[in-house]
Amino acid sequence: MTIKAVEKIEGSDLFALPSNPTALAALADFAGKHFGYSGSTPRNAPERINLWRAVNTELAVLKALGSEGDDDLARLEKALGIDGTALAENPDPADVARVSNSVRSKARAQCEALLATGYQP
């Protein structure tokens, strides 16, 4: 099955949930397996908001730490703005956690700000 990728919300760094029920169910399943989302396919607005927040916070972390094909060190260097010459072969887990937590907080704040404008995922 091919599912249309999530699309960015215009004027935002956030992504919208798919409108197709099959795609939404697949995204919820994926988020449950990979993003720690604990719900099922959303059936109402609060469940859609929870999935939307989970997807956007984790996609923000993935984006900050690198893209497909990058190794852990390259992603950390990019996220920290370091040229790579000062870090050891393996990035410090504390640095990775610090960057991840910062990006998650920013994404959650962006989600809340968009919800405050009346956006409904």
PDB file of N, CA and C in Angstrom:
ATOM      1  N   MET A   1       0.849  -1.178   0.000  1.00  0.00           N
ATOM      2  CA  MET A   1       0.000   0.000   0.000  1.00  0.00           C
ATOM      3  C   MET A   1       0.889   1.234   0.000  1.00  0.00           C
ATOM      4  N   THR A   2       0.593   2.186  -0.832  1.00  0.00           N
ATOM      5  CA  THR A   2       1.309   3.453  -0.873  1.00  0.00           C
ATOM      6  C   THR A   2       0.441   4.505  -0.215  1.00  0.00           C
ATOM      7  N   ILE A   3       1.059   5.263   0.680  1.00  0.00           N
ATOM      8  CA  ILE A   3       0.329   6.296   1.406  1.00  0.00           C
ATOM      9  C   ILE A   3       0.940   7.639   1.061  1.00  0.00           C
ATOM     10  N   LYS A   4       0.114   8.598   0.759  1.00  0.00           N
ATOM     11  CA  LYS A   4       0.607   9.937   0.459  1.00  0.00           C
ATOM     12  C   LYS A   4       1.296  10.484   1.705  1.00  0.00           C
ATOM     13  N   ALA A   5       2.461  11.048   1.493  1.00  0.00           N
ATOM     14  CA  ALA A   5       3.229  11.598   2.604  1.00  0.00           C
ATOM     15  C   ALA A   5       2.465  12.741   3.264  1.00  0.00           C
ATOM     16  N   VAL A   6       2.767  12.956   4.526  1.00  0.00           N
ATOM     17  CA  VAL A   6       2.159  14.088   5.215  1.00  0.00           C
ATOM     18  C   VAL A   6       2.623  15.366   4.538  1.00  0.00           C
ATOM     19  N   GLU A   7       1.779  16.363   4.542  1.00  0.00           N
ATOM     20  CA  GLU A   7       2.093  17.631   3.888  1.00  0.00           C
ATOM     21  C   GLU A   7       2.251  18.723   4.926  1.00  0.00           C
ATOM     22  N   LYS A   8       3.120  19.682   4.608  1.00  0.00           N
ATOM     23  CA  LYS A   8       3.324  20.813   5.508  1.00  0.00           C
ATOM     24  C   LYS A   8       2.091  21.703   5.537  1.00  0.00           C
ATOM     25  N   ILE A   9       1.865  22.291   6.698  1.00  0.00           N
ATOM     26  CA  ILE A   9       0.800  23.266   6.851  1.00  0.00           C
ATOM     27  C   ILE A   9       1.361  24.590   6.342  1.00  0.00           C
ATOM     28  N   GLU A  10       0.641  25.237   5.463  1.00  0.00           N
ATOM     29  CA  GLU A  10       1.124  26.475   4.854  1.00  0.00           C
ATOM     30  C   GLU A  10       1.461  27.521   5.914  1.00  0.00           C
ATOM     31  N   GLY A  11       2.634  28.109   5.787  1.00  0.00           N
ATOM     32  CA  GLY A  11       3.077  29.146   6.719  1.00  0.00           C
ATOM     33  C   GLY A  11       3.593  28.596   8.036  1.00  0.00           C
ATOM     34  N   SER A  12       3.904  27.302   8.077  1.00  0.00           N
ATOM     35  CA  SER A  12       4.327  26.663   9.319  1.00  0.00           C
ATOM     36  C   SER A  12       5.384  25.606   9.024  1.00  0.00           C
ATOM     37  N   ASP A  13       6.121  25.235  10.055  1.00  0.00           N
ATOM     38  CA  ASP A  13       7.056  24.117   9.944  1.00  0.00           C
ATOM     39  C   ASP A  13       6.381  22.795  10.300  1.00  0.00           C
ATOM     40  N   LEU A  14       5.098  22.846  10.626  1.00  0.00           N
ATOM     41  CA  LEU A  14       4.363  21.668  11.073  1.00  0.00           C
ATOM     42  C   LEU A  14       3.709  20.943   9.904  1.00  0.00           C
ATOM     43  N   PHE A  15       3.379  19.682  10.153  1.00  0.00           N
ATOM     44  CA  PHE A  15       2.745  18.847   9.142  1.00  0.00           C
ATOM     45  C   PHE A  15       1.290  18.587   9.516  1.00  0.00           C
ATOM     46  N   ALA A  16       0.442  18.466   8.500  1.00  0.00           N
ATOM     47  CA  ALA A  16      -0.972  18.162   8.701  1.00  0.00           C
ATOM     48  C   ALA A  16      -1.164  16.649   8.713  1.00  0.00           C
ATOM     49  N   LEU A  17      -2.201  16.203   9.374  1.00  0.00           N
ATOM     50  CA  LEU A  17      -2.573  14.796   9.312  1.00  0.00           C
ATOM     51  C   LEU A  17      -3.227  14.520   7.960  1.00  0.00           C
ATOM     52  N   PRO A  18      -3.067  13.316   7.436  1.00  0.00           N
ATOM     53  CA  PRO A  18      -3.729  12.995   6.167  1.00  0.00           C
ATOM     54  C   PRO A  18      -5.243  12.932   6.354  1.00  0.00           C
ATOM     55  N   SER A  19      -5.971  13.331   5.315  1.00  0.00           N
ATOM     56  CA  SER A  19      -7.436  13.290   5.396  1.00  0.00           C
ATOM     57  C   SER A  19      -7.977  11.901   5.058  1.00  0.00           C
ATOM     58  N   ASN A  20      -7.211  11.114   4.331  1.00  0.00           N
ATOM     59  CA  ASN A  20      -7.618   9.769   3.958  1.00  0.00           C
ATOM     60  C   ASN A  20      -7.601   8.870   5.200  1.00  0.00           C
ATOM     61  N   PRO A  21      -8.726   8.196   5.528  1.00  0.00           N
ATOM     62  CA  PRO A  21      -8.786   7.358   6.727  1.00  0.00           C
ATOM     63  C   PRO A  21      -7.748   6.230   6.750  1.00  0.00           C
ATOM     64  N   THR A  22      -7.464   5.652   5.594  1.00  0.00           N
ATOM     65  CA  THR A  22      -6.473   4.572   5.532  1.00  0.00           C
ATOM     66  C   THR A  22      -5.081   5.113   5.826  1.00  0.00           C
ATOM     67  N   ALA A  23      -4.786   6.268   5.259  1.00  0.00           N
ATOM     68  CA  ALA A  23      -3.488   6.902   5.508  1.00  0.00           C
ATOM     69  C   ALA A  23      -3.362   7.333   6.972  1.00  0.00           C
ATOM     70  N   LEU A  24      -4.453   7.821   7.538  1.00  0.00           N
ATOM     71  CA  LEU A  24      -4.450   8.224   8.949  1.00  0.00           C
ATOM     72  C   LEU A  24      -4.195   7.023   9.853  1.00  0.00           C
ATOM     73  N   ALA A  25      -4.837   5.907   9.544  1.00  0.00           N
ATOM     74  CA  ALA A  25      -4.632   4.685  10.328  1.00  0.00           C
ATOM     75  C   ALA A  25      -3.193   4.203  10.212  1.00  0.00           C
ATOM     76  N   ALA A  26      -2.636   4.263   9.004  1.00  0.00           N
ATOM     77  CA  ALA A  26      -1.247   3.839   8.805  1.00  0.00           C
ATOM     78  C   ALA A  26      -0.284   4.762   9.555  1.00  0.00           C
ATOM     79  N   LEU A  27      -0.560   6.060   9.545  1.00  0.00           N
ATOM     80  CA  LEU A  27       0.287   7.006  10.276  1.00  0.00           C
ATOM     81  C   LEU A  27       0.202   6.754  11.778  1.00  0.00           C
ATOM     82  N   ALA A  28      -0.988   6.491  12.281  1.00  0.00           N
ATOM     83  CA  ALA A  28      -1.153   6.194  13.707  1.00  0.00           C
ATOM     84  C   ALA A  28      -0.395   4.928  14.086  1.00  0.00           C
ATOM     85  N   ASP A  29      -0.462   3.920  13.223  1.00  0.00           N
ATOM     86  CA  ASP A  29       0.264   2.676  13.470  1.00  0.00           C
ATOM     87  C   ASP A  29       1.770   2.925  13.466  1.00  0.00           C
ATOM     88  N   PHE A  30       2.239   3.673  12.476  1.00  0.00           N
ATOM     89  CA  PHE A  30       3.664   4.002  12.390  1.00  0.00           C
ATOM     90  C   PHE A  30       4.112   4.789  13.620  1.00  0.00           C
ATOM     91  N   ALA A  31       3.318   5.774  14.015  1.00  0.00           N
ATOM     92  CA  ALA A  31       3.666   6.596  15.184  1.00  0.00           C
ATOM     93  C   ALA A  31       3.686   5.750  16.453  1.00  0.00           C
ATOM     94  N   GLY A  32       2.802   4.773  16.532  1.00  0.00           N
ATOM     95  CA  GLY A  32       2.794   3.876  17.685  1.00  0.00           C
ATOM     96  C   GLY A  32       4.045   3.025  17.759  1.00  0.00           C
ATOM     97  N   LYS A  33       4.526   2.605  16.610  1.00  0.00           N
ATOM     98  CA  LYS A  33       5.715   1.750  16.573  1.00  0.00           C
ATOM     99  C   LYS A  33       7.017   2.529  16.724  1.00  0.00           C
ATOM    100  N   HIS A  34       7.063   3.753  16.198  1.00  0.00           N
ATOM    101  CA  HIS A  34       8.330   4.461  16.112  1.00  0.00           C
ATOM    102  C   HIS A  34       8.408   5.756  16.919  1.00  0.00           C
ATOM    103  N   PHE A  35       7.274   6.344  17.258  1.00  0.00           N
ATOM    104  CA  PHE A  35       7.281   7.642  17.935  1.00  0.00           C
ATOM    105  C   PHE A  35       6.758   7.590  19.361  1.00  0.00           C
ATOM    106  N   GLY A  36       6.386   6.421  19.850  1.00  0.00           N
ATOM    107  CA  GLY A  36       5.879   6.323  21.210  1.00  0.00           C
ATOM    108  C   GLY A  36       4.434   6.771  21.356  1.00  0.00           C
ATOM    109  N   TYR A  37       3.726   6.937  20.254  1.00  0.00           N
ATOM    110  CA  TYR A  37       2.305   7.297  20.308  1.00  0.00           C
ATOM    111  C   TYR A  37       1.541   6.113  20.864  1.00  0.00           C
ATOM    112  N   SER A  38       0.706   6.355  21.866  1.00  0.00           N
ATOM    113  CA  SER A  38       0.042   5.243  22.545  1.00  0.00           C
ATOM    114  C   SER A  38      -1.421   5.072  22.163  1.00  0.00           C
ATOM    115  N   GLY A  39      -1.915   5.893  21.266  1.00  0.00           N
ATOM    116  CA  GLY A  39      -3.315   5.781  20.885  1.00  0.00           C
ATOM    117  C   GLY A  39      -3.501   4.904  19.655  1.00  0.00           C
ATOM    118  N   SER A  40      -4.765   4.770  19.279  1.00  0.00           N
ATOM    119  CA  SER A  40      -5.091   4.034  18.063  1.00  0.00           C
ATOM    120  C   SER A  40      -5.420   5.069  16.985  1.00  0.00           C
ATOM    121  N   THR A  41      -6.044   4.631  15.919  1.00  0.00           N
ATOM    122  CA  THR A  41      -6.455   5.578  14.886  1.00  0.00           C
ATOM    123  C   THR A  41      -7.427   6.579  15.511  1.00  0.00           C
ATOM    124  N   PRO A  42      -7.164   7.859  15.355  1.00  0.00           N
ATOM    125  CA  PRO A  42      -8.023   8.876  16.002  1.00  0.00           C
ATOM    126  C   PRO A  42      -9.464   8.807  15.529  1.00  0.00           C
ATOM    127  N   ARG A  43     -10.370   8.868  16.507  1.00  0.00           N
ATOM    128  CA  ARG A  43     -11.797   8.843  16.203  1.00  0.00           C
ATOM    129  C   ARG A  43     -12.477  10.171  16.531  1.00  0.00           C
ATOM    130  N   ASN A  44     -11.766  11.062  17.210  1.00  0.00           N
ATOM    131  CA  ASN A  44     -12.360  12.345  17.585  1.00  0.00           C
ATOM    132  C   ASN A  44     -11.261  13.416  17.641  1.00  0.00           C
ATOM    133  N   ALA A  45     -11.667  14.647  17.875  1.00  0.00           N
ATOM    134  CA  ALA A  45     -10.722  15.766  17.835  1.00  0.00           C
ATOM    135  C   ALA A  45      -9.578  15.639  18.847  1.00  0.00           C
ATOM    136  N   PRO A  46      -9.829  15.296  20.110  1.00  0.00           N
ATOM    137  CA  PRO A  46      -8.706  15.180  21.053  1.00  0.00           C
ATOM    138  C   PRO A  46      -7.692  14.109  20.645  1.00  0.00           C
ATOM    139  N   GLU A  47      -8.176  12.999  20.095  1.00  0.00           N
ATOM    140  CA  GLU A  47      -7.263  11.945  19.652  1.00  0.00           C
ATOM    141  C   GLU A  47      -6.460  12.395  18.433  1.00  0.00           C
ATOM    142  N   ARG A  48      -7.106  13.155  17.533  1.00  0.00           N
ATOM    143  CA  ARG A  48      -6.384  13.690  16.367  1.00  0.00           C
ATOM    144  C   ARG A  48      -5.298  14.664  16.813  1.00  0.00           C
ATOM    145  N   ILE A  49      -5.607  15.491  17.800  1.00  0.00           N
ATOM    146  CA  ILE A  49      -4.622  16.450  18.315  1.00  0.00           C
ATOM    147  C   ILE A  49      -3.438  15.709  18.928  1.00  0.00           C
ATOM    148  N   ASN A  50      -3.698  14.652  19.695  1.00  0.00           N
ATOM    149  CA  ASN A  50      -2.604  13.887  20.303  1.00  0.00           C
ATOM    150  C   ASN A  50      -1.690  13.266  19.250  1.00  0.00           C
ATOM    151  N   LEU A  51      -2.286  12.672  18.218  1.00  0.00           N
ATOM    152  CA  LEU A  51      -1.483  12.090  17.142  1.00  0.00           C
ATOM    153  C   LEU A  51      -0.709  13.185  16.417  1.00  0.00           C
ATOM    154  N   TRP A  52      -1.360  14.277  16.120  1.00  0.00           N
ATOM    155  CA  TRP A  52      -0.743  15.393  15.406  1.00  0.00           C
ATOM    156  C   TRP A  52       0.461  15.934  16.169  1.00  0.00           C
ATOM    157  N   ARG A  53       0.298  16.119  17.476  1.00  0.00           N
ATOM    158  CA  ARG A  53       1.433  16.582  18.303  1.00  0.00           C
ATOM    159  C   ARG A  53       2.580  15.578  18.280  1.00  0.00           C
ATOM    160  N   ALA A  54       2.247  14.294  18.460  1.00  0.00           N
ATOM    161  CA  ALA A  54       3.291  13.255  18.494  1.00  0.00           C
ATOM    162  C   ALA A  54       4.066  13.218  17.185  1.00  0.00           C
ATOM    163  N   VAL A  55       3.355  13.239  16.078  1.00  0.00           N
ATOM    164  CA  VAL A  55       4.008  13.179  14.767  1.00  0.00           C
ATOM    165  C   VAL A  55       4.883  14.407  14.551  1.00  0.00           C
ATOM    166  N   ASN A  56       4.361  15.583  14.856  1.00  0.00           N
ATOM    167  CA  ASN A  56       5.131  16.802  14.609  1.00  0.00           C
ATOM    168  C   ASN A  56       6.349  16.936  15.511  1.00  0.00           C
ATOM    169  N   THR A  57       6.237  16.528  16.765  1.00  0.00           N
ATOM    170  CA  THR A  57       7.408  16.644  17.639  1.00  0.00           C
ATOM    171  C   THR A  57       8.501  15.676  17.202  1.00  0.00           C
ATOM    172  N   GLU A  58       8.136  14.461  16.835  1.00  0.00           N
ATOM    173  CA  GLU A  58       9.160  13.494  16.440  1.00  0.00           C
ATOM    174  C   GLU A  58       9.735  13.781  15.059  1.00  0.00           C
ATOM    175  N   LEU A  59       8.917  14.270  14.139  1.00  0.00           N
ATOM    176  CA  LEU A  59       9.454  14.652  12.830  1.00  0.00           C
ATOM    177  C   LEU A  59      10.416  15.829  12.965  1.00  0.00           C
ATOM    178  N   ALA A  60      10.133  16.737  13.895  1.00  0.00           N
ATOM    179  CA  ALA A  60      11.042  17.867  14.128  1.00  0.00           C
ATOM    180  C   ALA A  60      12.395  17.373  14.632  1.00  0.00           C
ATOM    181  N   VAL A  61      12.373  16.383  15.525  1.00  0.00           N
ATOM    182  CA  VAL A  61      13.627  15.819  16.035  1.00  0.00           C
ATOM    183  C   VAL A  61      14.396  15.148  14.908  1.00  0.00           C
ATOM    184  N   LEU A  62      13.708  14.343  14.110  1.00  0.00           N
ATOM    185  CA  LEU A  62      14.371  13.669  12.993  1.00  0.00           C
ATOM    186  C   LEU A  62      14.972  14.676  12.024  1.00  0.00           C
ATOM    187  N   LYS A  63      14.242  15.730  11.760  1.00  0.00           N
ATOM    188  CA  LYS A  63      14.741  16.767  10.849  1.00  0.00           C
ATOM    189  C   LYS A  63      15.968  17.461  11.439  1.00  0.00           C
ATOM    190  N   ALA A  64      15.934  17.746  12.727  1.00  0.00           N
ATOM    191  CA  ALA A  64      17.056  18.445  13.366  1.00  0.00           C
ATOM    192  C   ALA A  64      18.303  17.579  13.442  1.00  0.00           C
ATOM    193  N   LEU A  65      18.108  16.290  13.654  1.00  0.00           N
ATOM    194  CA  LEU A  65      19.263  15.410  13.817  1.00  0.00           C
ATOM    195  C   LEU A  65      19.806  14.880  12.505  1.00  0.00           C
ATOM    196  N   GLY A  66      19.154  15.154  11.404  1.00  0.00           N
ATOM    197  CA  GLY A  66      19.707  14.761  10.121  1.00  0.00           C
ATOM    198  C   GLY A  66      18.693  14.172   9.188  1.00  0.00           C
ATOM    199  N   SER A  67      19.183  13.788   8.037  1.00  0.00           N
ATOM    200  CA  SER A  67      18.331  13.203   7.024  1.00  0.00           C
ATOM    201  C   SER A  67      18.792  11.788   6.725  1.00  0.00           C
ATOM    202  N   GLU A  68      18.008  11.095   5.946  1.00  0.00           N
ATOM    203  CA  GLU A  68      18.317   9.724   5.592  1.00  0.00           C
ATOM    204  C   GLU A  68      19.708   9.655   4.961  1.00  0.00           C
ATOM    205  N   GLY A  69      20.496   8.714   5.403  1.00  0.00           N
ATOM    206  CA  GLY A  69      21.840   8.555   4.861  1.00  0.00           C
ATOM    207  C   GLY A  69      22.917   9.183   5.735  1.00  0.00           C
ATOM    208  N   ASP A  70      22.545  10.109   6.609  1.00  0.00           N
ATOM    209  CA  ASP A  70      23.516  10.708   7.521  1.00  0.00           C
ATOM    210  C   ASP A  70      23.776   9.753   8.673  1.00  0.00           C
ATOM    211  N   ASP A  71      24.992   9.726   9.169  1.00  0.00           N
ATOM    212  CA  ASP A  71      25.248   8.924  10.355  1.00  0.00           C
ATOM    213  C   ASP A  71      24.950   9.762  11.606  1.00  0.00           C
ATOM    214  N   ASP A  72      24.956   9.111  12.758  1.00  0.00           N
ATOM    215  CA  ASP A  72      24.610   9.802  14.009  1.00  0.00           C
ATOM    216  C   ASP A  72      25.507  11.003  14.261  1.00  0.00           C
ATOM    217  N   LEU A  73      26.794  10.851  14.010  1.00  0.00           N
ATOM    218  CA  LEU A  73      27.730  11.937  14.261  1.00  0.00           C
ATOM    219  C   LEU A  73      27.419  13.137  13.365  1.00  0.00           C
ATOM    220  N   ALA A  74      27.178  12.900  12.090  1.00  0.00           N
ATOM    221  CA  ALA A  74      26.889  13.999  11.169  1.00  0.00           C
ATOM    222  C   ALA A  74      25.601  14.720  11.560  1.00  0.00           C
ATOM    223  N   ARG A  75      24.596  13.965  11.995  1.00  0.00           N
ATOM    224  CA  ARG A  75      23.336  14.590  12.419  1.00  0.00           C
ATOM    225  C   ARG A  75      23.548  15.449  13.649  1.00  0.00           C
ATOM    226  N   LEU A  76      24.315  14.950  14.604  1.00  0.00           N
ATOM    227  CA  LEU A  76      24.568  15.727  15.815  1.00  0.00           C
ATOM    228  C   LEU A  76      25.364  16.985  15.487  1.00  0.00           C
ATOM    229  N   GLU A  77      26.379  16.849  14.657  1.00  0.00           N
ATOM    230  CA  GLU A  77      27.173  18.010  14.273  1.00  0.00           C
ATOM    231  C   GLU A  77      26.293  19.074  13.629  1.00  0.00           C
ATOM    232  N   LYS A  78      25.424  18.633  12.739  1.00  0.00           N
ATOM    233  CA  LYS A  78      24.532  19.568  12.060  1.00  0.00           C
ATOM    234  C   LYS A  78      23.618  20.257  13.070  1.00  0.00           C
ATOM    235  N   ALA A  79      23.040  19.489  13.974  1.00  0.00           N
ATOM    236  CA  ALA A  79      22.113  20.044  14.955  1.00  0.00           C
ATOM    237  C   ALA A  79      22.798  21.019  15.906  1.00  0.00           C
ATOM    238  N   LEU A  80      24.047  20.732  16.226  1.00  0.00           N
ATOM    239  CA  LEU A  80      24.782  21.586  17.166  1.00  0.00           C
ATOM    240  C   LEU A  80      25.538  22.706  16.470  1.00  0.00           C
ATOM    241  N   GLY A  81      25.557  22.699  15.147  1.00  0.00           N
ATOM    242  CA  GLY A  81      26.275  23.726  14.411  1.00  0.00           C
ATOM    243  C   GLY A  81      27.777  23.607  14.538  1.00  0.00           C
ATOM    244  N   ILE A  82      28.275  22.386  14.632  1.00  0.00           N
ATOM    245  CA  ILE A  82      29.700  22.129  14.812  1.00  0.00           C
ATOM    246  C   ILE A  82      30.265  21.583  13.510  1.00  0.00           C
ATOM    247  N   ASP A  83      31.523  21.949  13.186  1.00  0.00           N
ATOM    248  CA  ASP A  83      32.114  21.482  11.935  1.00  0.00           C
ATOM    249  C   ASP A  83      32.541  20.034  11.982  1.00  0.00           C
ATOM    250  N   GLY A  84      32.542  19.408  13.129  1.00  0.00           N
ATOM    251  CA  GLY A  84      32.821  17.989  13.225  1.00  0.00           C
ATOM    252  C   GLY A  84      34.218  17.641  13.673  1.00  0.00           C
ATOM    253  N   THR A  85      35.096  18.605  13.729  1.00  0.00           N
ATOM    254  CA  THR A  85      36.478  18.291  14.081  1.00  0.00           C
ATOM    255  C   THR A  85      36.676  18.134  15.578  1.00  0.00           C
ATOM    256  N   ALA A  86      35.753  18.660  16.373  1.00  0.00           N
ATOM    257  CA  ALA A  86      35.947  18.643  17.821  1.00  0.00           C
ATOM    258  C   ALA A  86      35.253  17.478  18.514  1.00  0.00           C
ATOM    259  N   LEU A  87      34.369  16.766  17.805  1.00  0.00           N
ATOM    260  CA  LEU A  87      33.632  15.688  18.445  1.00  0.00           C
ATOM    261  C   LEU A  87      34.340  14.354  18.275  1.00  0.00           C
ATOM    262  N   ALA A  88      34.120  13.493  19.248  1.00  0.00           N
ATOM    263  CA  ALA A  88      34.668  12.135  19.169  1.00  0.00           C
ATOM    264  C   ALA A  88      33.926  11.335  18.103  1.00  0.00           C
ATOM    265  N   GLU A  89      34.386  10.130  17.872  1.00  0.00           N
ATOM    266  CA  GLU A  89      33.775   9.260  16.861  1.00  0.00           C
ATOM    267  C   GLU A  89      32.285   9.055  17.119  1.00  0.00           C
ATOM    268  N   ASN A  90      31.910   8.852  18.367  1.00  0.00           N
ATOM    269  CA  ASN A  90      30.511   8.643  18.724  1.00  0.00           C
ATOM    270  C   ASN A  90      30.007   9.852  19.506  1.00  0.00           C
ATOM    271  N   PRO A  91      28.862  10.410  19.106  1.00  0.00           N
ATOM    272  CA  PRO A  91      28.342  11.571  19.820  1.00  0.00           C
ATOM    273  C   PRO A  91      27.939  11.214  21.245  1.00  0.00           C
ATOM    274  N   ASP A  92      28.083  12.163  22.117  1.00  0.00           N
ATOM    275  CA  ASP A  92      27.698  11.987  23.512  1.00  0.00           C
ATOM    276  C   ASP A  92      26.171  11.889  23.578  1.00  0.00           C
ATOM    277  N   PRO A  93      25.647  10.828  24.167  1.00  0.00           N
ATOM    278  CA  PRO A  93      24.186  10.694  24.275  1.00  0.00           C
ATOM    279  C   PRO A  93      23.533  11.892  24.967  1.00  0.00           C
ATOM    280  N   ALA A  94      24.257  12.530  25.868  1.00  0.00           N
ATOM    281  CA  ALA A  94      23.695  13.698  26.544  1.00  0.00           C
ATOM    282  C   ALA A  94      23.495  14.852  25.560  1.00  0.00           C
ATOM    283  N   ASP A  95      24.423  15.006  24.601  1.00  0.00           N
ATOM    284  CA  ASP A  95      24.268  16.046  23.590  1.00  0.00           C
ATOM    285  C   ASP A  95      23.089  15.752  22.679  1.00  0.00           C
ATOM    286  N   VAL A  96      22.949  14.513  22.286  1.00  0.00           N
ATOM    287  CA  VAL A  96      21.823  14.114  21.439  1.00  0.00           C
ATOM    288  C   VAL A  96      20.514  14.362  22.186  1.00  0.00           C
ATOM    289  N   ALA A  97      20.464  13.983  23.456  1.00  0.00           N
ATOM    290  CA  ALA A  97      19.249  14.173  24.262  1.00  0.00           C
ATOM    291  C   ALA A  97      18.931  15.652  24.430  1.00  0.00           C
ATOM    292  N   ARG A  98      19.958  16.458  24.645  1.00  0.00           N
ATOM    293  CA  ARG A  98      19.759  17.902  24.828  1.00  0.00           C
ATOM    294  C   ARG A  98      19.164  18.526  23.563  1.00  0.00           C
ATOM    295  N   VAL A  99      19.727  18.184  22.415  1.00  0.00           N
ATOM    296  CA  VAL A  99      19.203  18.714  21.150  1.00  0.00           C
ATOM    297  C   VAL A  99      17.779  18.211  20.921  1.00  0.00           C
ATOM    298  N   SER A 100      17.552  16.922  21.130  1.00  0.00           N
ATOM    299  CA  SER A 100      16.219  16.344  20.930  1.00  0.00           C
ATOM    300  C   SER A 100      15.178  17.011  21.817  1.00  0.00           C
ATOM    301  N   ASN A 101      15.494  17.205  23.082  1.00  0.00           N
ATOM    302  CA  ASN A 101      14.548  17.824  24.010  1.00  0.00           C
ATOM    303  C   ASN A 101      14.250  19.263  23.626  1.00  0.00           C
ATOM    304  N   SER A 102      15.265  19.988  23.195  1.00  0.00           N
ATOM    305  CA  SER A 102      15.064  21.372  22.780  1.00  0.00           C
ATOM    306  C   SER A 102      14.153  21.452  21.563  1.00  0.00           C
ATOM    307  N   VAL A 103      14.392  20.598  20.597  1.00  0.00           N
ATOM    308  CA  VAL A 103      13.580  20.594  19.381  1.00  0.00           C
ATOM    309  C   VAL A 103      12.152  20.162  19.687  1.00  0.00           C
ATOM    310  N   ARG A 104      11.985  19.162  20.549  1.00  0.00           N
ATOM    311  CA  ARG A 104      10.632  18.727  20.935  1.00  0.00           C
ATOM    312  C   ARG A 104       9.865  19.870  21.599  1.00  0.00           C
ATOM    313  N   SER A 105      10.529  20.593  22.498  1.00  0.00           N
ATOM    314  CA  SER A 105       9.868  21.713  23.180  1.00  0.00           C
ATOM    315  C   SER A 105       9.423  22.780  22.190  1.00  0.00           C
ATOM    316  N   LYS A 106      10.289  23.091  21.236  1.00  0.00           N
ATOM    317  CA  LYS A 106       9.945  24.097  20.231  1.00  0.00           C
ATOM    318  C   LYS A 106       8.767  23.621  19.384  1.00  0.00           C
ATOM    319  N   ALA A 107       8.779  22.359  18.977  1.00  0.00           N
ATOM    320  CA  ALA A 107       7.683  21.820  18.163  1.00  0.00           C
ATOM    321  C   ALA A 107       6.369  21.819  18.941  1.00  0.00           C
ATOM    322  N   ARG A 108       6.417  21.453  20.212  1.00  0.00           N
ATOM    323  CA  ARG A 108       5.191  21.472  21.034  1.00  0.00           C
ATOM    324  C   ARG A 108       4.643  22.887  21.145  1.00  0.00           C
ATOM    325  N   ALA A 109       5.538  23.858  21.322  1.00  0.00           N
ATOM    326  CA  ALA A 109       5.102  25.254  21.406  1.00  0.00           C
ATOM    327  C   ALA A 109       4.476  25.709  20.091  1.00  0.00           C
ATOM    328  N   GLN A 110       5.049  25.279  18.962  1.00  0.00           N
ATOM    329  CA  GLN A 110       4.466  25.616  17.666  1.00  0.00           C
ATOM    330  C   GLN A 110       3.091  24.975  17.503  1.00  0.00           C
ATOM    331  N   CYS A 111       2.948  23.743  17.963  1.00  0.00           N
ATOM    332  CA  CYS A 111       1.648  23.073  17.919  1.00  0.00           C
ATOM    333  C   CYS A 111       0.622  23.850  18.733  1.00  0.00           C
ATOM    334  N   GLU A 112       0.985  24.215  19.945  1.00  0.00           N
ATOM    335  CA  GLU A 112       0.061  24.944  20.814  1.00  0.00           C
ATOM    336  C   GLU A 112      -0.311  26.291  20.220  1.00  0.00           C
ATOM    337  N   ALA A 113       0.663  26.976  19.629  1.00  0.00           N
ATOM    338  CA  ALA A 113       0.383  28.278  19.019  1.00  0.00           C
ATOM    339  C   ALA A 113      -0.589  28.136  17.846  1.00  0.00           C
ATOM    340  N   LEU A 114      -0.402  27.096  17.045  1.00  0.00           N
ATOM    341  CA  LEU A 114      -1.293  26.893  15.903  1.00  0.00           C
ATOM    342  C   LEU A 114      -2.704  26.502  16.376  1.00  0.00           C
ATOM    343  N   LEU A 115      -2.777  25.668  17.412  1.00  0.00           N
ATOM    344  CA  LEU A 115      -4.087  25.307  17.967  1.00  0.00           C
ATOM    345  C   LEU A 115      -4.787  26.537  18.525  1.00  0.00           C
ATOM    346  N   ALA A 116      -4.035  27.449  19.123  1.00  0.00           N
ATOM    347  CA  ALA A 116      -4.615  28.653  19.710  1.00  0.00           C
ATOM    348  C   ALA A 116      -5.241  29.555  18.640  1.00  0.00           C
ATOM    349  N   THR A 117      -4.770  29.433  17.392  1.00  0.00           N
ATOM    350  CA  THR A 117      -5.351  30.231  16.304  1.00  0.00           C
ATOM    351  C   THR A 117      -6.636  29.597  15.768  1.00  0.00           C
ATOM    352  N   GLY A 118      -6.985  28.411  16.284  1.00  0.00           N
ATOM    353  CA  GLY A 118      -8.201  27.735  15.840  1.00  0.00           C
ATOM    354  C   GLY A 118      -7.968  26.583  14.897  1.00  0.00           C
ATOM    355  N   TYR A 119      -6.708  26.259  14.615  1.00  0.00           N
ATOM    356  CA  TYR A 119      -6.397  25.136  13.720  1.00  0.00           C
ATOM    357  C   TYR A 119      -6.898  23.836  14.336  1.00  0.00           C
ATOM    358  N   GLN A 120      -7.525  23.007  13.524  1.00  0.00           N
ATOM    359  CA  GLN A 120      -7.971  21.681  13.955  1.00  0.00           C
ATOM    360  C   GLN A 120      -7.326  20.626  13.073  1.00  0.00           C
ATOM    361  N   PRO A 121      -6.461  19.778  13.659  1.00  0.00           N
ATOM    362  CA  PRO A 121      -5.824  18.737  12.851  1.00  0.00           C
ATOM    363  C   PRO A 121      -6.832  17.685  12.374  1.00  0.00           C
TER     364      PRO A 121
END
